[in-house]
Protein backbone atom coordinates (compact mmCIF):
# COMPACT_ATOMS: atom_id res chain seq x y z
CA UNK A 1 22.66 -177.53 -38.89
CA UNK A 2 24.83 -174.54 -38.01
CA UNK A 3 23.91 -171.06 -39.18
CA UNK A 4 25.25 -170.17 -42.62
CA UNK A 5 24.96 -167.58 -45.35
CA UNK A 6 25.69 -170.13 -48.08
CA UNK A 7 23.00 -170.91 -50.66
CA UNK A 8 21.73 -174.44 -50.00
CA UNK A 9 20.40 -177.27 -52.15
CA UNK A 10 18.35 -179.44 -49.79
CA UNK A 11 17.97 -183.15 -50.51
CA UNK A 12 15.80 -185.72 -48.76
CA UNK A 13 17.48 -189.09 -49.35
CA UNK A 14 18.47 -192.38 -47.78
CA UNK A 15 22.03 -193.69 -47.67
CA UNK A 16 21.29 -197.11 -49.17
CA UNK A 17 19.27 -195.67 -52.07
CA UNK A 18 21.35 -196.18 -55.26
CA UNK A 19 19.35 -193.51 -57.12
CA UNK A 20 20.29 -190.97 -54.46
CA UNK A 21 23.96 -191.95 -54.81
CA UNK A 22 23.79 -191.15 -58.52
CA UNK A 23 21.69 -188.02 -58.02
CA UNK A 24 23.96 -186.52 -55.39
CA UNK A 25 27.07 -187.12 -57.49
CA UNK A 26 25.32 -185.55 -60.48
CA UNK A 27 24.41 -182.44 -58.46
CA UNK A 28 27.97 -182.27 -57.15
CA UNK A 29 29.29 -182.45 -60.72
CA UNK A 30 26.91 -179.74 -61.96
CA UNK A 31 27.90 -177.51 -59.05
CA UNK A 32 31.58 -177.93 -59.93
CA UNK A 33 30.96 -177.25 -63.64
CA UNK A 34 29.13 -174.05 -62.71
CA UNK A 35 32.02 -172.99 -60.47
CA UNK A 36 29.78 -172.67 -57.43
CA UNK A 37 31.63 -174.27 -54.55
CA UNK A 38 29.82 -171.68 -52.43
CA UNK A 39 26.55 -173.65 -52.79
CA UNK A 40 26.10 -176.30 -50.11
CA UNK A 41 24.31 -179.64 -50.41
CA UNK A 42 22.30 -180.38 -47.27
CA UNK A 43 21.28 -184.05 -47.30
CA UNK A 44 18.30 -184.59 -45.02
CA UNK A 45 17.13 -187.99 -43.79
CA UNK A 46 14.44 -189.83 -45.73
CA UNK A 47 14.65 -193.20 -43.95
CA UNK A 48 13.12 -195.70 -46.34
CA UNK A 49 12.77 -198.38 -43.66
CA UNK A 50 10.34 -196.02 -41.90
CA UNK A 51 8.72 -194.81 -45.12
CA UNK A 52 8.10 -198.37 -46.38
CA UNK A 53 7.88 -200.15 -43.04
CA UNK A 54 10.68 -202.59 -43.99
CA UNK A 55 14.42 -202.34 -44.82
CA UNK A 56 15.54 -202.33 -48.43
CA UNK A 57 16.00 -205.72 -50.07
CA UNK A 58 19.77 -206.23 -50.68
CA UNK A 59 19.26 -208.21 -53.90
CA UNK A 60 16.83 -205.71 -55.43
CA UNK A 61 19.14 -202.83 -54.45
CA UNK A 62 22.09 -204.63 -56.03
CA UNK A 63 20.08 -205.12 -59.24
CA UNK A 64 19.20 -201.41 -59.33
CA UNK A 65 22.84 -200.51 -58.73
CA UNK A 66 23.88 -202.79 -61.60
CA UNK A 67 21.28 -201.19 -63.88
CA UNK A 68 22.52 -197.72 -62.97
CA UNK A 69 26.16 -198.65 -63.47
CA UNK A 70 25.47 -200.34 -66.82
CA UNK A 71 23.25 -197.57 -68.19
CA UNK A 72 24.21 -194.20 -66.69
CA UNK A 73 26.94 -194.38 -64.02
CA UNK A 74 29.86 -196.57 -65.12
CA UNK A 75 32.16 -194.88 -62.59
CA UNK A 76 29.93 -195.71 -59.60
CA UNK A 77 28.95 -198.86 -57.68
CA UNK A 78 32.39 -200.40 -57.89
CA UNK A 79 31.86 -202.64 -54.87
CA UNK A 80 28.40 -203.16 -53.39
CA UNK A 81 28.61 -206.28 -51.24
CA UNK A 82 25.17 -207.91 -50.87
CA UNK A 83 26.48 -210.06 -48.00
CA UNK A 84 27.46 -206.92 -46.08
CA UNK A 85 24.40 -204.85 -46.93
CA UNK A 86 23.16 -202.73 -44.01
CA UNK A 87 20.23 -203.97 -41.96
CA UNK A 88 19.32 -200.33 -41.21
CA UNK A 89 20.52 -196.83 -42.07
CA UNK A 90 19.07 -195.03 -39.04
CA UNK A 91 22.40 -194.89 -37.18
CA UNK A 92 24.27 -193.75 -40.31
CA UNK A 93 21.67 -191.06 -40.97
CA UNK A 94 22.09 -189.94 -37.36
CA UNK A 95 25.85 -189.70 -37.89
CA UNK A 96 25.27 -187.50 -40.94
CA UNK A 97 22.96 -185.30 -38.90
CA UNK A 98 25.64 -185.00 -36.22
CA UNK A 99 28.12 -183.87 -38.86
CA UNK A 100 25.72 -181.23 -40.19
CA UNK A 101 25.45 -179.89 -36.65
CA UNK A 102 29.12 -178.93 -37.05
CA UNK A 103 28.66 -177.16 -40.39
CA UNK A 104 27.39 -177.74 -43.92
CA UNK A 105 30.74 -178.72 -45.41
CA UNK A 106 31.40 -181.35 -42.74
CA UNK A 107 27.88 -182.71 -43.07
CA UNK A 108 28.16 -182.94 -46.84
CA UNK A 109 31.52 -184.68 -46.61
CA UNK A 110 30.18 -187.27 -44.17
CA UNK A 111 26.98 -187.85 -46.19
CA UNK A 112 28.97 -188.56 -49.34
CA UNK A 113 31.53 -190.67 -47.45
CA UNK A 114 28.81 -192.90 -45.99
CA UNK A 115 27.47 -193.62 -49.47
CA UNK A 116 30.96 -194.27 -50.81
CA UNK A 117 31.60 -196.67 -47.92
CA UNK A 118 28.49 -198.67 -48.86
CA UNK A 119 28.53 -198.55 -52.67
CA UNK A 120 32.22 -198.14 -53.51
CA UNK A 121 33.91 -199.98 -50.62
CA UNK A 122 31.40 -202.69 -49.74
CA UNK A 123 31.17 -201.72 -46.07
CA UNK A 124 28.22 -202.31 -43.75
CA UNK A 125 27.24 -198.84 -42.54
CA UNK A 126 24.84 -200.34 -39.99
CA UNK A 127 27.79 -201.90 -38.15
CA UNK A 128 28.66 -199.74 -35.08
CA UNK A 129 32.36 -200.52 -35.47
CA UNK A 130 32.30 -199.35 -39.09
CA UNK A 131 30.45 -196.16 -38.12
CA UNK A 132 32.90 -195.46 -35.29
CA UNK A 133 35.81 -195.91 -37.68
CA UNK A 134 34.24 -193.59 -40.25
CA UNK A 135 33.40 -190.98 -37.61
CA UNK A 136 36.98 -191.00 -36.33
CA UNK A 137 38.40 -190.89 -39.85
CA UNK A 138 36.16 -187.96 -40.80
CA UNK A 139 36.74 -186.05 -37.58
CA UNK A 140 33.22 -186.14 -36.16
CA UNK A 141 31.82 -187.52 -32.93
CA UNK A 142 29.27 -190.31 -32.83
CA UNK A 143 25.60 -189.30 -32.82
CA UNK A 144 23.53 -188.98 -29.68
CA UNK A 145 19.82 -189.31 -28.98
CA UNK A 146 19.09 -185.84 -30.39
CA UNK A 147 20.55 -186.92 -33.73
CA UNK A 148 18.41 -190.04 -33.79
CA UNK A 149 15.39 -187.89 -33.00
CA UNK A 150 16.36 -185.52 -35.82
CA UNK A 151 16.28 -188.39 -38.35
CA UNK A 152 12.63 -189.06 -37.52
CA UNK A 153 11.90 -185.32 -37.53
CA UNK A 154 13.38 -185.04 -41.04
CA UNK A 155 11.12 -187.86 -42.20
CA UNK A 156 8.03 -186.12 -40.82
CA UNK A 157 9.08 -182.78 -42.30
CA UNK A 158 9.62 -184.45 -45.65
CA UNK A 159 6.12 -185.88 -45.50
CA UNK A 160 4.69 -182.43 -44.80
CA UNK A 161 6.65 -180.94 -47.71
CA UNK A 162 5.49 -183.56 -50.19
CA UNK A 163 8.66 -185.61 -50.63
CA UNK A 164 7.93 -188.28 -53.25
CA UNK A 165 10.94 -190.50 -52.65
CA UNK A 166 14.71 -190.69 -52.44
CA UNK A 167 16.18 -188.37 -53.66
CA UNK A 168 13.89 -185.33 -53.61
CA UNK A 169 15.61 -181.96 -54.11
CA UNK A 170 14.56 -178.55 -52.81
CA UNK A 171 16.03 -175.12 -53.45
CA UNK A 172 14.06 -172.09 -52.30
CA UNK A 173 10.50 -172.70 -53.50
CA UNK A 174 11.71 -175.09 -56.25
CA UNK A 175 11.47 -178.83 -55.72
CA UNK A 176 11.90 -181.85 -57.95
CA UNK A 177 12.10 -185.60 -57.46
CA UNK A 178 15.24 -187.29 -58.84
CA UNK A 179 16.06 -184.64 -61.49
CA UNK A 180 19.10 -186.45 -62.87
CA UNK A 181 17.35 -189.65 -64.04
CA UNK A 182 14.45 -190.69 -66.25
CA UNK A 183 13.38 -194.19 -65.18
CA UNK A 184 10.90 -196.71 -66.56
CA UNK A 185 10.27 -200.29 -65.50
CA UNK A 186 8.83 -202.99 -67.71
CA UNK A 187 7.03 -205.81 -65.88
CA UNK A 188 9.31 -208.31 -67.62
CA UNK A 189 12.49 -206.39 -68.40
CA UNK A 190 14.81 -204.79 -65.86
CA UNK A 191 14.83 -201.12 -65.00
CA UNK A 192 15.56 -198.74 -67.87
CA UNK A 193 17.43 -195.58 -66.86
CA UNK A 194 18.46 -192.54 -68.91
CA UNK A 195 20.35 -189.50 -67.71
CA UNK A 196 18.11 -186.42 -67.82
CA UNK A 197 20.86 -183.83 -68.21
CA UNK A 198 18.60 -180.99 -69.35
CA UNK A 199 16.25 -181.38 -66.37
CA UNK A 200 19.15 -181.55 -63.93
CA UNK A 201 20.89 -178.55 -65.49
CA UNK A 202 17.69 -176.51 -65.42
CA UNK A 203 17.19 -177.28 -61.72
CA UNK A 204 20.77 -176.37 -60.80
CA UNK A 205 20.71 -173.18 -62.87
CA UNK A 206 17.47 -172.07 -61.19
CA UNK A 207 19.01 -172.80 -57.79
CA UNK A 208 22.16 -170.87 -58.55
CA UNK A 209 20.11 -167.91 -59.71
CA UNK A 210 18.43 -167.62 -56.30
CA UNK A 211 19.85 -165.15 -53.77
CA UNK A 212 21.49 -166.62 -50.71
CA UNK A 213 20.12 -166.15 -47.19
CA UNK A 214 20.40 -162.65 -45.74
């Protein structure tokens, strides 16, 4: 990541995590409502295929996306194609890291675009051709070995910092797991999700009250 004086909300998240897609959009919305375009969102890699030892299950992810769309995010998940679900997100996470090496705004734009490509456009972000097209369209170069190494380094740093899952937000010495959603799962019923607006607002307000880097 390039040097910056912007205040930063740090997020450890994976691209194919539907809860992160909702959480990032919620943080973006709160930032806009507060009139703080000067606060950057730095999305770090939390590669779930390394965390869990296996890739995400496309059908389970689709079910979670449907639950989220039905219960809290009717404007999201317009086109998640199970048949074109990524087999990995490591290359896409590396592309996001490459973009953040340019600057925070470029990195944020690429991170959000990768999630939109998957969840809103039904594109396979593990396909090299798709990633090359997105990189060209977004004005960034393809990742190199240092970016792939950085993805693993983010994972290890997240472990050291106590990341609980995707998405986990940090701002200064404040951290919270998935502040925008309150989730419960019944053994029989499907996932129950409620927007936790007060918790999200409190987190963003505390972040915005912090001084930026010197």
